[in-house]
PDB file of N, CA and C in Angstrom:
ATOM      1  N   GLN A   1       0.850  -1.196   0.000  1.00  0.00           N
ATOM      2  CA  GLN A   1       0.000   0.000   0.000  1.00  0.00           C
ATOM      3  C   GLN A   1       0.883   1.243   0.000  1.00  0.00           C
ATOM      4  N   VAL A   2       0.514   2.208  -0.830  1.00  0.00           N
ATOM      5  CA  VAL A   2       1.221   3.483  -0.896  1.00  0.00           C
ATOM      6  C   VAL A   2       0.215   4.600  -0.720  1.00  0.00           C
ATOM      7  N   GLN A   3       0.523   5.519   0.150  1.00  0.00           N
ATOM      8  CA  GLN A   3      -0.299   6.727   0.290  1.00  0.00           C
ATOM      9  C   GLN A   3       0.507   7.913  -0.208  1.00  0.00           C
ATOM     10  N   LEU A   4      -0.191   8.816  -0.908  1.00  0.00           N
ATOM     11  CA  LEU A   4       0.469   9.951  -1.540  1.00  0.00           C
ATOM     12  C   LEU A   4      -0.176  11.246  -1.079  1.00  0.00           C
ATOM     13  N   VAL A   5       0.634  12.231  -0.734  1.00  0.00           N
ATOM     14  CA  VAL A   5       0.133  13.538  -0.324  1.00  0.00           C
ATOM     15  C   VAL A   5       0.894  14.606  -1.094  1.00  0.00           C
ATOM     16  N   GLU A   6       0.143  15.376  -1.892  1.00  0.00           N
ATOM     17  CA  GLU A   6       0.748  16.454  -2.663  1.00  0.00           C
ATOM     18  C   GLU A   6       0.733  17.764  -1.880  1.00  0.00           C
ATOM     19  N   SER A   7       1.686  18.620  -2.174  1.00  0.00           N
ATOM     20  CA  SER A   7       1.722  19.965  -1.596  1.00  0.00           C
ATOM     21  C   SER A   7       2.492  20.881  -2.535  1.00  0.00           C
ATOM     22  N   GLY A   8       2.391  22.187  -2.249  1.00  0.00           N
ATOM     23  CA  GLY A   8       3.180  23.149  -3.009  1.00  0.00           C
ATOM     24  C   GLY A   8       2.402  23.951  -4.023  1.00  0.00           C
ATOM     25  N   GLY A   9       1.132  23.646  -4.200  1.00  0.00           N
ATOM     26  CA  GLY A   9       0.346  24.411  -5.153  1.00  0.00           C
ATOM     27  C   GLY A   9       0.034  25.801  -4.625  1.00  0.00           C
ATOM     28  N   GLY A  10      -0.565  26.605  -5.488  1.00  0.00           N
ATOM     29  CA  GLY A  10      -0.941  27.952  -5.082  1.00  0.00           C
ATOM     30  C   GLY A  10      -1.210  28.837  -6.263  1.00  0.00           C
ATOM     31  N   LEU A  11      -1.281  30.124  -5.994  1.00  0.00           N
ATOM     32  CA  LEU A  11      -1.523  31.139  -7.033  1.00  0.00           C
ATOM     33  C   LEU A  11      -0.191  31.777  -7.408  1.00  0.00           C
ATOM     34  N   VAL A  12       0.097  31.835  -8.691  1.00  0.00           N
ATOM     35  CA  VAL A  12       1.356  32.408  -9.158  1.00  0.00           C
ATOM     36  C   VAL A  12       1.077  33.205 -10.427  1.00  0.00           C
ATOM     37  N   GLN A  13       1.861  34.234 -10.634  1.00  0.00           N
ATOM     38  CA  GLN A  13       1.700  35.047 -11.845  1.00  0.00           C
ATOM     39  C   GLN A  13       2.320  34.343 -13.044  1.00  0.00           C
ATOM     40  N   PRO A  14       1.845  34.638 -14.239  1.00  0.00           N
ATOM     41  CA  PRO A  14       2.489  34.085 -15.440  1.00  0.00           C
ATOM     42  C   PRO A  14       3.983  34.394 -15.447  1.00  0.00           C
ATOM     43  N   GLY A  15       4.757  33.386 -15.827  1.00  0.00           N
ATOM     44  CA  GLY A  15       6.205  33.505 -15.821  1.00  0.00           C
ATOM     45  C   GLY A  15       6.846  33.081 -14.517  1.00  0.00           C
ATOM     46  N   GLY A  16       6.022  32.851 -13.498  1.00  0.00           N
ATOM     47  CA  GLY A  16       6.541  32.462 -12.199  1.00  0.00           C
ATOM     48  C   GLY A  16       6.855  30.985 -12.097  1.00  0.00           C
ATOM     49  N   SER A  17       7.255  30.579 -10.888  1.00  0.00           N
ATOM     50  CA  SER A  17       7.646  29.196 -10.634  1.00  0.00           C
ATOM     51  C   SER A  17       6.965  28.658  -9.382  1.00  0.00           C
ATOM     52  N   LEU A  18       6.790  27.357  -9.384  1.00  0.00           N
ATOM     53  CA  LEU A  18       6.316  26.624  -8.210  1.00  0.00           C
ATOM     54  C   LEU A  18       7.023  25.275  -8.196  1.00  0.00           C
ATOM     55  N   ARG A  19       7.184  24.733  -6.998  1.00  0.00           N
ATOM     56  CA  ARG A  19       7.676  23.366  -6.877  1.00  0.00           C
ATOM     57  C   ARG A  19       6.639  22.550  -6.126  1.00  0.00           C
ATOM     58  N   LEU A  20       6.110  21.541  -6.799  1.00  0.00           N
ATOM     59  CA  LEU A  20       5.160  20.630  -6.164  1.00  0.00           C
ATOM     60  C   LEU A  20       5.925  19.466  -5.548  1.00  0.00           C
ATOM     61  N   SER A  21       5.400  18.995  -4.423  1.00  0.00           N
ATOM     62  CA  SER A  21       5.992  17.846  -3.751  1.00  0.00           C
ATOM     63  C   SER A  21       4.939  16.755  -3.603  1.00  0.00           C
ATOM     64  N   CYS A  22       5.383  15.517  -3.690  1.00  0.00           N
ATOM     65  CA  CYS A  22       4.530  14.357  -3.463  1.00  0.00           C
ATOM     66  C   CYS A  22       5.234  13.495  -2.426  1.00  0.00           C
ATOM     67  N   ALA A  23       4.648  13.424  -1.231  1.00  0.00           N
ATOM     68  CA  ALA A  23       5.208  12.624  -0.149  1.00  0.00           C
ATOM     69  C   ALA A  23       4.523  11.270  -0.131  1.00  0.00           C
ATOM     70  N   ALA A  24       5.326  10.219  -0.111  1.00  0.00           N
ATOM     71  CA  ALA A  24       4.786   8.865  -0.180  1.00  0.00           C
ATOM     72  C   ALA A  24       5.083   8.088   1.090  1.00  0.00           C
ATOM     73  N   SER A  25       4.209   7.150   1.378  1.00  0.00           N
ATOM     74  CA  SER A  25       4.458   6.190   2.449  1.00  0.00           C
ATOM     75  C   SER A  25       4.583   4.814   1.810  1.00  0.00           C
ATOM     76  N   GLY A  26       5.088   3.850   2.566  1.00  0.00           N
ATOM     77  CA  GLY A  26       5.204   2.497   2.025  1.00  0.00           C
ATOM     78  C   GLY A  26       6.649   2.107   1.802  1.00  0.00           C
ATOM     79  N   SER A  27       6.973   0.893   2.149  1.00  0.00           N
ATOM     80  CA  SER A  27       8.367   0.454   2.126  1.00  0.00           C
ATOM     81  C   SER A  27       8.874   0.153   0.732  1.00  0.00           C
ATOM     82  N   THR A  28       7.974  -0.017  -0.232  1.00  0.00           N
ATOM     83  CA  THR A  28       8.405  -0.387  -1.578  1.00  0.00           C
ATOM     84  C   THR A  28       8.329   0.771  -2.554  1.00  0.00           C
ATOM     85  N   PHE A  29       8.324   1.972  -2.053  1.00  0.00           N
ATOM     86  CA  PHE A  29       8.132   3.155  -2.897  1.00  0.00           C
ATOM     87  C   PHE A  29       9.122   3.205  -4.044  1.00  0.00           C
ATOM     88  N   SER A  30      10.357   2.814  -3.809  1.00  0.00           N
ATOM     89  CA  SER A  30      11.391   2.936  -4.845  1.00  0.00           C
ATOM     90  C   SER A  30      11.122   2.041  -6.050  1.00  0.00           C
ATOM     91  N   THR A  31      10.222   1.089  -5.911  1.00  0.00           N
ATOM     92  CA  THR A  31       9.903   0.190  -7.028  1.00  0.00           C
ATOM     93  C   THR A  31       8.783   0.733  -7.912  1.00  0.00           C
ATOM     94  N   TYR A  32       8.193   1.839  -7.512  1.00  0.00           N
ATOM     95  CA  TYR A  32       7.074   2.409  -8.265  1.00  0.00           C
ATOM     96  C   TYR A  32       7.543   3.460  -9.259  1.00  0.00           C
ATOM     97  N   ASP A  33       6.906   3.447 -10.416  1.00  0.00           N
ATOM     98  CA  ASP A  33       6.977   4.607 -11.297  1.00  0.00           C
ATOM     99  C   ASP A  33       6.037   5.664 -10.711  1.00  0.00           C
ATOM    100  N   VAL A  34       6.432   6.910 -10.787  1.00  0.00           N
ATOM    101  CA  VAL A  34       5.600   7.991 -10.261  1.00  0.00           C
ATOM    102  C   VAL A  34       5.348   9.015 -11.363  1.00  0.00           C
ATOM    103  N   ASN A  35       4.116   9.413 -11.459  1.00  0.00           N
ATOM    104  CA  ASN A  35       3.698  10.352 -12.502  1.00  0.00           C
ATOM    105  C   ASN A  35       2.995  11.554 -11.883  1.00  0.00           C
ATOM    106  N   TRP A  36       3.129  12.672 -12.535  1.00  0.00           N
ATOM    107  CA  TRP A  36       2.315  13.849 -12.231  1.00  0.00           C
ATOM    108  C   TRP A  36       1.306  14.011 -13.370  1.00  0.00           C
ATOM    109  N   TYR A  37       0.030  14.075 -13.004  1.00  0.00           N
ATOM    110  CA  TYR A  37      -1.039  14.372 -13.941  1.00  0.00           C
ATOM    111  C   TYR A  37      -1.625  15.727 -13.559  1.00  0.00           C
ATOM    112  N   ARG A  38      -2.380  16.290 -14.482  1.00  0.00           N
ATOM    113  CA  ARG A  38      -3.144  17.486 -14.147  1.00  0.00           C
ATOM    114  C   ARG A  38      -4.515  17.398 -14.795  1.00  0.00           C
ATOM    115  N   GLN A  39      -5.441  18.055 -14.130  1.00  0.00           N
ATOM    116  CA  GLN A  39      -6.809  18.083 -14.664  1.00  0.00           C
ATOM    117  C   GLN A  39      -7.376  19.475 -14.491  1.00  0.00           C
ATOM    118  N   ALA A  40      -7.711  20.095 -15.609  1.00  0.00           N
ATOM    119  CA  ALA A  40      -8.333  21.408 -15.613  1.00  0.00           C
ATOM    120  C   ALA A  40      -9.835  21.223 -15.781  1.00  0.00           C
ATOM    121  N   PRO A  41     -10.619  22.189 -15.303  1.00  0.00           N
ATOM    122  CA  PRO A  41     -12.084  22.078 -15.423  1.00  0.00           C
ATOM    123  C   PRO A  41     -12.507  21.861 -16.869  1.00  0.00           C
ATOM    124  N   GLY A  42     -13.338  20.846 -17.080  1.00  0.00           N
ATOM    125  CA  GLY A  42     -13.863  20.592 -18.408  1.00  0.00           C
ATOM    126  C   GLY A  42     -12.902  19.913 -19.360  1.00  0.00           C
ATOM    127  N   LYS A  43     -11.721  19.538 -18.856  1.00  0.00           N
ATOM    128  CA  LYS A  43     -10.732  18.891 -19.720  1.00  0.00           C
ATOM    129  C   LYS A  43     -10.385  17.505 -19.187  1.00  0.00           C
ATOM    130  N   GLN A  44      -9.847  16.687 -20.090  1.00  0.00           N
ATOM    131  CA  GLN A  44      -9.410  15.354 -19.677  1.00  0.00           C
ATOM    132  C   GLN A  44      -8.142  15.430 -18.851  1.00  0.00           C
ATOM    133  N   ARG A  45      -7.970  14.445 -18.005  1.00  0.00           N
ATOM    134  CA  ARG A  45      -6.747  14.354 -17.222  1.00  0.00           C
ATOM    135  C   ARG A  45      -5.566  14.165 -18.166  1.00  0.00           C
ATOM    136  N   GLU A  46      -4.492  14.891 -17.904  1.00  0.00           N
ATOM    137  CA  GLU A  46      -3.325  14.896 -18.793  1.00  0.00           C
ATOM    138  C   GLU A  46      -2.084  14.459 -18.030  1.00  0.00           C
ATOM    139  N   LEU A  47      -1.311  13.567 -18.623  1.00  0.00           N
ATOM    140  CA  LEU A  47      -0.031  13.178 -18.039  1.00  0.00           C
ATOM    141  C   LEU A  47       0.978  14.289 -18.287  1.00  0.00           C
ATOM    142  N   VAL A  48       1.568  14.809 -17.223  1.00  0.00           N
ATOM    143  CA  VAL A  48       2.504  15.924 -17.327  1.00  0.00           C
ATOM    144  C   VAL A  48       3.943  15.433 -17.376  1.00  0.00           C
ATOM    145  N   ALA A  49       4.286  14.547 -16.450  1.00  0.00           N
ATOM    146  CA  ALA A  49       5.663  14.046 -16.381  1.00  0.00           C
ATOM    147  C   ALA A  49       5.674  12.759 -15.578  1.00  0.00           C
ATOM    148  N   GLY A  50       6.672  11.926 -15.848  1.00  0.00           N
ATOM    149  CA  GLY A  50       6.796  10.667 -15.125  1.00  0.00           C
ATOM    150  C   GLY A  50       8.245  10.333 -14.859  1.00  0.00           C
ATOM    151  N   ILE A  51       8.461   9.536 -13.827  1.00  0.00           N
ATOM    152  CA  ILE A  51       9.822   9.128 -13.488  1.00  0.00           C
ATOM    153  C   ILE A  51       9.787   7.698 -12.968  1.00  0.00           C
ATOM    154  N   THR A  52      10.711   6.864 -13.460  1.00  0.00           N
ATOM    155  CA  THR A  52      10.768   5.484 -13.014  1.00  0.00           C
ATOM    156  C   THR A  52      11.464   5.395 -11.655  1.00  0.00           C
ATOM    157  N   GLY A  53      11.413   4.211 -11.076  1.00  0.00           N
ATOM    158  CA  GLY A  53      12.082   4.005  -9.794  1.00  0.00           C
ATOM    159  C   GLY A  53      13.578   4.270  -9.853  1.00  0.00           C
ATOM    160  N   ARG A  54      14.155   4.054 -11.042  1.00  0.00           N
ATOM    161  CA  ARG A  54      15.590   4.272 -11.222  1.00  0.00           C
ATOM    162  C   ARG A  54      15.926   5.675 -11.688  1.00  0.00           C
ATOM    163  N   GLY A  55      14.903   6.509 -11.868  1.00  0.00           N
ATOM    164  CA  GLY A  55      15.173   7.907 -12.156  1.00  0.00           C
ATOM    165  C   GLY A  55      15.104   8.334 -13.603  1.00  0.00           C
ATOM    166  N   MET A  56      14.626   7.461 -14.485  1.00  0.00           N
ATOM    167  CA  MET A  56      14.466   7.868 -15.882  1.00  0.00           C
ATOM    168  C   MET A  56      13.160   8.655 -16.004  1.00  0.00           C
ATOM    169  N   SER A  57      13.232   9.809 -16.630  1.00  0.00           N
ATOM    170  CA  SER A  57      12.063  10.697 -16.655  1.00  0.00           C
ATOM    171  C   SER A  57      11.622  11.023 -18.067  1.00  0.00           C
ATOM    172  N   THR A  58      10.350  11.360 -18.162  1.00  0.00           N
ATOM    173  CA  THR A  58       9.768  11.844 -19.409  1.00  0.00           C
ATOM    174  C   THR A  58       8.821  12.989 -19.063  1.00  0.00           C
ATOM    175  N   SER A  59       8.483  13.773 -20.070  1.00  0.00           N
ATOM    176  CA  SER A  59       7.523  14.853 -19.844  1.00  0.00           C
ATOM    177  C   SER A  59       6.728  15.109 -21.111  1.00  0.00           C
ATOM    178  N   ALA A  60       5.580  15.709 -20.936  1.00  0.00           N
ATOM    179  CA  ALA A  60       4.715  16.041 -22.069  1.00  0.00           C
ATOM    180  C   ALA A  60       5.337  17.167 -22.881  1.00  0.00           C
ATOM    181  N   ASP A  61       5.023  17.165 -24.170  1.00  0.00           N
ATOM    182  CA  ASP A  61       5.561  18.214 -25.043  1.00  0.00           C
ATOM    183  C   ASP A  61       5.160  19.610 -24.557  1.00  0.00           C
ATOM    184  N   SER A  62       3.974  19.703 -23.966  1.00  0.00           N
ATOM    185  CA  SER A  62       3.458  21.011 -23.547  1.00  0.00           C
ATOM    186  C   SER A  62       4.261  21.625 -22.400  1.00  0.00           C
ATOM    187  N   VAL A  63       5.051  20.808 -21.700  1.00  0.00           N
ATOM    188  CA  VAL A  63       5.809  21.327 -20.557  1.00  0.00           C
ATOM    189  C   VAL A  63       7.311  21.136 -20.709  1.00  0.00           C
ATOM    190  N   LYS A  64       7.738  20.526 -21.804  1.00  0.00           N
ATOM    191  CA  LYS A  64       9.178  20.278 -22.006  1.00  0.00           C
ATOM    192  C   LYS A  64       9.955  21.585 -21.954  1.00  0.00           C
ATOM    193  N   GLY A  65      11.054  21.548 -21.238  1.00  0.00           N
ATOM    194  CA  GLY A  65      11.886  22.738 -21.103  1.00  0.00           C
ATOM    195  C   GLY A  65      11.436  23.668 -19.990  1.00  0.00           C
ATOM    196  N   ARG A  66      10.250  23.409 -19.428  1.00  0.00           N
ATOM    197  CA  ARG A  66       9.731  24.264 -18.342  1.00  0.00           C
ATOM    198  C   ARG A  66       9.564  23.498 -17.035  1.00  0.00           C
ATOM    199  N   PHE A  67       9.135  22.244 -17.114  1.00  0.00           N
ATOM    200  CA  PHE A  67       8.877  21.425 -15.923  1.00  0.00           C
ATOM    201  C   PHE A  67       9.939  20.343 -15.816  1.00  0.00           C
ATOM    202  N   THR A  68      10.340  20.054 -14.586  1.00  0.00           N
ATOM    203  CA  THR A  68      11.314  18.993 -14.332  1.00  0.00           C
ATOM    204  C   THR A  68      10.821  18.123 -13.182  1.00  0.00           C
ATOM    205  N   ILE A  69      10.792  16.817 -13.419  1.00  0.00           N
ATOM    206  CA  ILE A  69      10.399  15.880 -12.381  1.00  0.00           C
ATOM    207  C   ILE A  69      11.651  15.251 -11.788  1.00  0.00           C
ATOM    208  N   SER A  70      11.623  15.027 -10.482  1.00  0.00           N
ATOM    209  CA  SER A  70      12.758  14.378  -9.810  1.00  0.00           C
ATOM    210  C   SER A  70      12.226  13.591  -8.617  1.00  0.00           C
ATOM    211  N   ARG A  71      13.057  12.720  -8.092  1.00  0.00           N
ATOM    212  CA  ARG A  71      12.628  11.931  -6.932  1.00  0.00           C
ATOM    213  C   ARG A  71      13.805  11.696  -6.008  1.00  0.00           C
ATOM    214  N   ASP A  72      13.459  11.501  -4.732  1.00  0.00           N
ATOM    215  CA  ASP A  72      14.435  11.138  -3.712  1.00  0.00           C
ATOM    216  C   ASP A  72      13.859   9.910  -3.015  1.00  0.00           C
ATOM    217  N   ASN A  73      14.333   8.736  -3.390  1.00  0.00           N
ATOM    218  CA  ASN A  73      13.760   7.501  -2.840  1.00  0.00           C
ATOM    219  C   ASN A  73      14.023   7.364  -1.347  1.00  0.00           C
ATOM    220  N   ALA A  74      15.151   7.876  -0.878  1.00  0.00           N
ATOM    221  CA  ALA A  74      15.454   7.785   0.551  1.00  0.00           C
ATOM    222  C   ALA A  74      14.422   8.565   1.370  1.00  0.00           C
ATOM    223  N   LYS A  75      13.982   9.683   0.843  1.00  0.00           N
ATOM    224  CA  LYS A  75      12.989  10.515   1.539  1.00  0.00           C
ATOM    225  C   LYS A  75      11.562  10.172   1.122  1.00  0.00           C
ATOM    226  N   LYS A  76      11.419   9.286   0.127  1.00  0.00           N
ATOM    227  CA  LYS A  76      10.100   8.915  -0.412  1.00  0.00           C
ATOM    228  C   LYS A  76       9.366  10.156  -0.908  1.00  0.00           C
ATOM    229  N   MET A  77      10.080  10.932  -1.707  1.00  0.00           N
ATOM    230  CA  MET A  77       9.527  12.178  -2.231  1.00  0.00           C
ATOM    231  C   MET A  77       9.706  12.238  -3.733  1.00  0.00           C
ATOM    232  N   VAL A  78       8.719  12.834  -4.400  1.00  0.00           N
ATOM    233  CA  VAL A  78       8.823  13.158  -5.821  1.00  0.00           C
ATOM    234  C   VAL A  78       8.462  14.628  -5.973  1.00  0.00           C
ATOM    235  N   TYR A  79       9.197  15.312  -6.835  1.00  0.00           N
ATOM    236  CA  TYR A  79       9.018  16.748  -7.003  1.00  0.00           C
ATOM    237  C   TYR A  79       8.696  17.081  -8.450  1.00  0.00           C
ATOM    238  N   LEU A  80       7.979  18.163  -8.626  1.00  0.00           N
ATOM    239  CA  LEU A  80       7.750  18.713  -9.964  1.00  0.00           C
ATOM    240  C   LEU A  80       8.100  20.191  -9.910  1.00  0.00           C
ATOM    241  N   GLN A  81       9.243  20.540 -10.472  1.00  0.00           N
ATOM    242  CA  GLN A  81       9.648  21.934 -10.553  1.00  0.00           C
ATOM    243  C   GLN A  81       9.029  22.540 -11.801  1.00  0.00           C
ATOM    244  N   MET A  82       8.255  23.584 -11.607  1.00  0.00           N
ATOM    245  CA  MET A  82       7.533  24.200 -12.715  1.00  0.00           C
ATOM    246  C   MET A  82       8.006  25.638 -12.875  1.00  0.00           C
ATOM    247  N   ASN A  83       8.606  25.925 -14.007  1.00  0.00           N
ATOM    248  CA  ASN A  83       9.094  27.269 -14.309  1.00  0.00           C
ATOM    249  C   ASN A  83       8.336  27.845 -15.502  1.00  0.00           C
ATOM    250  N   SER A  84       8.452  29.148 -15.685  1.00  0.00           N
ATOM    251  CA  SER A  84       7.819  29.831 -16.812  1.00  0.00           C
ATOM    252  C   SER A  84       6.356  29.437 -16.944  1.00  0.00           C
ATOM    253  N   LEU A  85       5.656  29.500 -15.851  1.00  0.00           N
ATOM    254  CA  LEU A  85       4.266  29.054 -15.824  1.00  0.00           C
ATOM    255  C   LEU A  85       3.380  29.928 -16.694  1.00  0.00           C
ATOM    256  N   LYS A  86       2.386  29.282 -17.294  1.00  0.00           N
ATOM    257  CA  LYS A  86       1.435  29.948 -18.189  1.00  0.00           C
ATOM    258  C   LYS A  86       0.025  29.759 -17.644  1.00  0.00           C
ATOM    259  N   PRO A  87      -0.893  30.631 -18.021  1.00  0.00           N
ATOM    260  CA  PRO A  87      -2.273  30.457 -17.555  1.00  0.00           C
ATOM    261  C   PRO A  87      -2.849  29.077 -17.907  1.00  0.00           C
ATOM    262  N   GLU A  88      -2.429  28.520 -19.025  1.00  0.00           N
ATOM    263  CA  GLU A  88      -2.943  27.208 -19.416  1.00  0.00           C
ATOM    264  C   GLU A  88      -2.387  26.068 -18.560  1.00  0.00           C
ATOM    265  N   ASP A  89      -1.460  26.357 -17.677  1.00  0.00           N
ATOM    266  CA  ASP A  89      -0.985  25.351 -16.725  1.00  0.00           C
ATOM    267  C   ASP A  89      -1.901  25.246 -15.512  1.00  0.00           C
ATOM    268  N   THR A  90      -2.890  26.121 -15.425  1.00  0.00           N
ATOM    269  CA  THR A  90      -3.830  26.086 -14.312  1.00  0.00           C
ATOM    270  C   THR A  90      -4.593  24.769 -14.296  1.00  0.00           C
ATOM    271  N   ALA A  91      -4.543  24.071 -13.174  1.00  0.00           N
ATOM    272  CA  ALA A  91      -5.189  22.760 -13.043  1.00  0.00           C
ATOM    273  C   ALA A  91      -4.974  22.244 -11.628  1.00  0.00           C
ATOM    274  N   VAL A  92      -5.673  21.167 -11.324  1.00  0.00           N
ATOM    275  CA  VAL A  92      -5.339  20.373 -10.147  1.00  0.00           C
ATOM    276  C   VAL A  92      -4.263  19.377 -10.566  1.00  0.00           C
ATOM    277  N   TYR A  93      -3.170  19.347  -9.823  1.00  0.00           N
ATOM    278  CA  TYR A  93      -2.054  18.450 -10.126  1.00  0.00           C
ATOM    279  C   TYR A  93      -2.092  17.268  -9.162  1.00  0.00           C
ATOM    280  N   LEU A  94      -2.038  16.082  -9.758  1.00  0.00           N
ATOM    281  CA  LEU A  94      -2.176  14.856  -8.976  1.00  0.00           C
ATOM    282  C   LEU A  94      -0.944  13.969  -9.123  1.00  0.00           C
ATOM    283  N   CYS A  95      -0.549  13.382  -8.027  1.00  0.00           N
ATOM    284  CA  CYS A  95       0.570  12.449  -7.991  1.00  0.00           C
ATOM    285  C   CYS A  95       0.015  11.025  -8.086  1.00  0.00           C
ATOM    286  N   ASN A  96       0.686  10.201  -8.887  1.00  0.00           N
ATOM    287  CA  ASN A  96       0.254   8.825  -9.115  1.00  0.00           C
ATOM    288  C   ASN A  96       1.452   7.886  -8.995  1.00  0.00           C
ATOM    289  N   ALA A  97       1.294   6.822  -8.245  1.00  0.00           N
ATOM    290  CA  ALA A  97       2.339   5.793  -8.136  1.00  0.00           C
ATOM    291  C   ALA A  97       1.815   4.510  -8.745  1.00  0.00           C
ATOM    292  N   PHE A  98       2.629   3.884  -9.592  1.00  0.00           N
ATOM    293  CA  PHE A  98       2.140   2.762 -10.400  1.00  0.00           C
ATOM    294  C   PHE A  98       3.234   1.716 -10.552  1.00  0.00           C
ATOM    295  N   ARG A  99       2.824   0.451 -10.443  1.00  0.00           N
ATOM    296  CA  ARG A  99       3.743  -0.617 -10.816  1.00  0.00           C
ATOM    297  C   ARG A  99       2.952  -1.877 -11.097  1.00  0.00           C
ATOM    298  N   ARG A 100       3.568  -2.750 -11.857  1.00  0.00           N
ATOM    299  CA  ARG A 100       3.016  -4.072 -12.105  1.00  0.00           C
ATOM    300  C   ARG A 100       4.006  -5.089 -11.541  1.00  0.00           C
ATOM    301  N   ALA A 101       3.478  -6.084 -10.821  1.00  0.00           N
ATOM    302  CA  ALA A 101       4.346  -7.116 -10.244  1.00  0.00           C
ATOM    303  C   ALA A 101       3.527  -8.373 -10.009  1.00  0.00           C
ATOM    304  N   GLY A 102       4.079  -9.508 -10.409  1.00  0.00           N
ATOM    305  CA  GLY A 102       3.425 -10.785 -10.147  1.00  0.00           C
ATOM    306  C   GLY A 102       2.028 -10.877 -10.737  1.00  0.00           C
ATOM    307  N   GLY A 103       1.823 -10.234 -11.888  1.00  0.00           N
ATOM    308  CA  GLY A 103       0.515 -10.286 -12.523  1.00  0.00           C
ATOM    309  C   GLY A 103      -0.501  -9.310 -11.946  1.00  0.00           C
ATOM    310  N   ALA A 104      -0.109  -8.577 -10.941  1.00  0.00           N
ATOM    311  CA  ALA A 104      -1.024  -7.603 -10.325  1.00  0.00           C
ATOM    312  C   ALA A 104      -0.602  -6.186 -10.702  1.00  0.00           C
ATOM    313  N   THR A 105      -1.578  -5.281 -10.670  1.00  0.00           N
ATOM    314  CA  THR A 105      -1.332  -3.866 -10.931  1.00  0.00           C
ATOM    315  C   THR A 105      -1.597  -3.079  -9.652  1.00  0.00           C
ATOM    316  N   TYR A 106      -0.659  -2.222  -9.328  1.00  0.00           N
ATOM    317  CA  TYR A 106      -0.780  -1.382  -8.139  1.00  0.00           C
ATOM    318  C   TYR A 106      -0.806   0.073  -8.611  1.00  0.00           C
ATOM    319  N   ASP A 107      -1.867   0.786  -8.275  1.00  0.00           N
ATOM    320  CA  ASP A 107      -2.110   2.117  -8.829  1.00  0.00           C
ATOM    321  C   ASP A 107      -2.683   2.989  -7.720  1.00  0.00           C
ATOM    322  N   TYR A 108      -1.928   3.978  -7.286  1.00  0.00           N
ATOM    323  CA  TYR A 108      -2.347   4.833  -6.175  1.00  0.00           C
ATOM    324  C   TYR A 108      -2.322   6.297  -6.586  1.00  0.00           C
ATOM    325  N   TRP A 109      -3.256   7.070  -5.989  1.00  0.00           N
ATOM    326  CA  TRP A 109      -3.392   8.498  -6.316  1.00  0.00           C
ATOM    327  C   TRP A 109      -3.451   9.335  -5.054  1.00  0.00           C
ATOM    328  N   GLY A 110      -2.906  10.533  -5.155  1.00  0.00           N
ATOM    329  CA  GLY A 110      -3.094  11.509  -4.101  1.00  0.00           C
ATOM    330  C   GLY A 110      -4.359  12.301  -4.335  1.00  0.00           C
ATOM    331  N   GLN A 111      -4.620  13.257  -3.448  1.00  0.00           N
ATOM    332  CA  GLN A 111      -5.839  14.065  -3.526  1.00  0.00           C
ATOM    333  C   GLN A 111      -5.681  15.253  -4.475  1.00  0.00           C
ATOM    334  N   GLY A 112      -4.464  15.625  -4.768  1.00  0.00           N
ATOM    335  CA  GLY A 112      -4.228  16.728  -5.696  1.00  0.00           C
ATOM    336  C   GLY A 112      -3.932  18.041  -5.002  1.00  0.00           C
ATOM    337  N   THR A 113      -3.279  18.920  -5.735  1.00  0.00           N
ATOM    338  CA  THR A 113      -3.002  20.271  -5.257  1.00  0.00           C
ATOM    339  C   THR A 113      -3.302  21.254  -6.384  1.00  0.00           C
ATOM    340  N   GLN A 114      -3.976  22.342  -6.036  1.00  0.00           N
ATOM    341  CA  GLN A 114      -4.416  23.303  -7.061  1.00  0.00           C
ATOM    342  C   GLN A 114      -3.277  24.242  -7.439  1.00  0.00           C
ATOM    343  N   VAL A 115      -3.081  24.401  -8.726  1.00  0.00           N
ATOM    344  CA  VAL A 115      -2.148  25.393  -9.258  1.00  0.00           C
ATOM    345  C   VAL A 115      -2.949  26.373 -10.109  1.00  0.00           C
ATOM    346  N   THR A 116      -2.853  27.638  -9.779  1.00  0.00           N
ATOM    347  CA  THR A 116      -3.546  28.675 -10.537  1.00  0.00           C
ATOM    348  C   THR A 116      -2.527  29.698 -11.021  1.00  0.00           C
ATOM    349  N   VAL A 117      -2.482  29.893 -12.330  1.00  0.00           N
ATOM    350  CA  VAL A 117      -1.556  30.849 -12.931  1.00  0.00           C
ATOM    351  C   VAL A 117      -2.375  32.002 -13.481  1.00  0.00           C
ATOM    352  N   SER A 118      -2.252  33.140 -12.845  1.00  0.00           N
ATOM    353  CA  SER A 118      -3.085  34.278 -13.219  1.00  0.00           C
ATOM    354  C   SER A 118      -2.438  35.564 -12.737  1.00  0.00           C
ATOM    355  N   SER A 119      -2.664  36.616 -13.506  1.00  0.00           N
ATOM    356  CA  SER A 119      -2.190  37.923 -13.087  1.00  0.00           C
ATOM    357  C   SER A 119      -3.280  38.681 -12.327  1.00  0.00           C
TER     358      SER A 119
END
């Protein structure tokens, strides 16, 4: 079992920065891939960035060069550094931990943190 708690959201002006944090519990956290998704009102949930247990990362084209995902397995933390924020980045950002093992799928979500980019 993994529990996830996001923090770090808030109101920021266009061009500003925020760092989101995802705190995890569970002894096997390092074996999970962790993803950041976002969901804006009236839009589908979008995968923003992901990182494997070994630290290989990917990100959506819409945030490449602006957002960076990282993790610290010792602290059971995953971060999303968001720079050069735009109004279209406004959404609830959710942390997701996922892995497949022994024929089973393990998929956990946090409650989300609101990011609002507005002047």
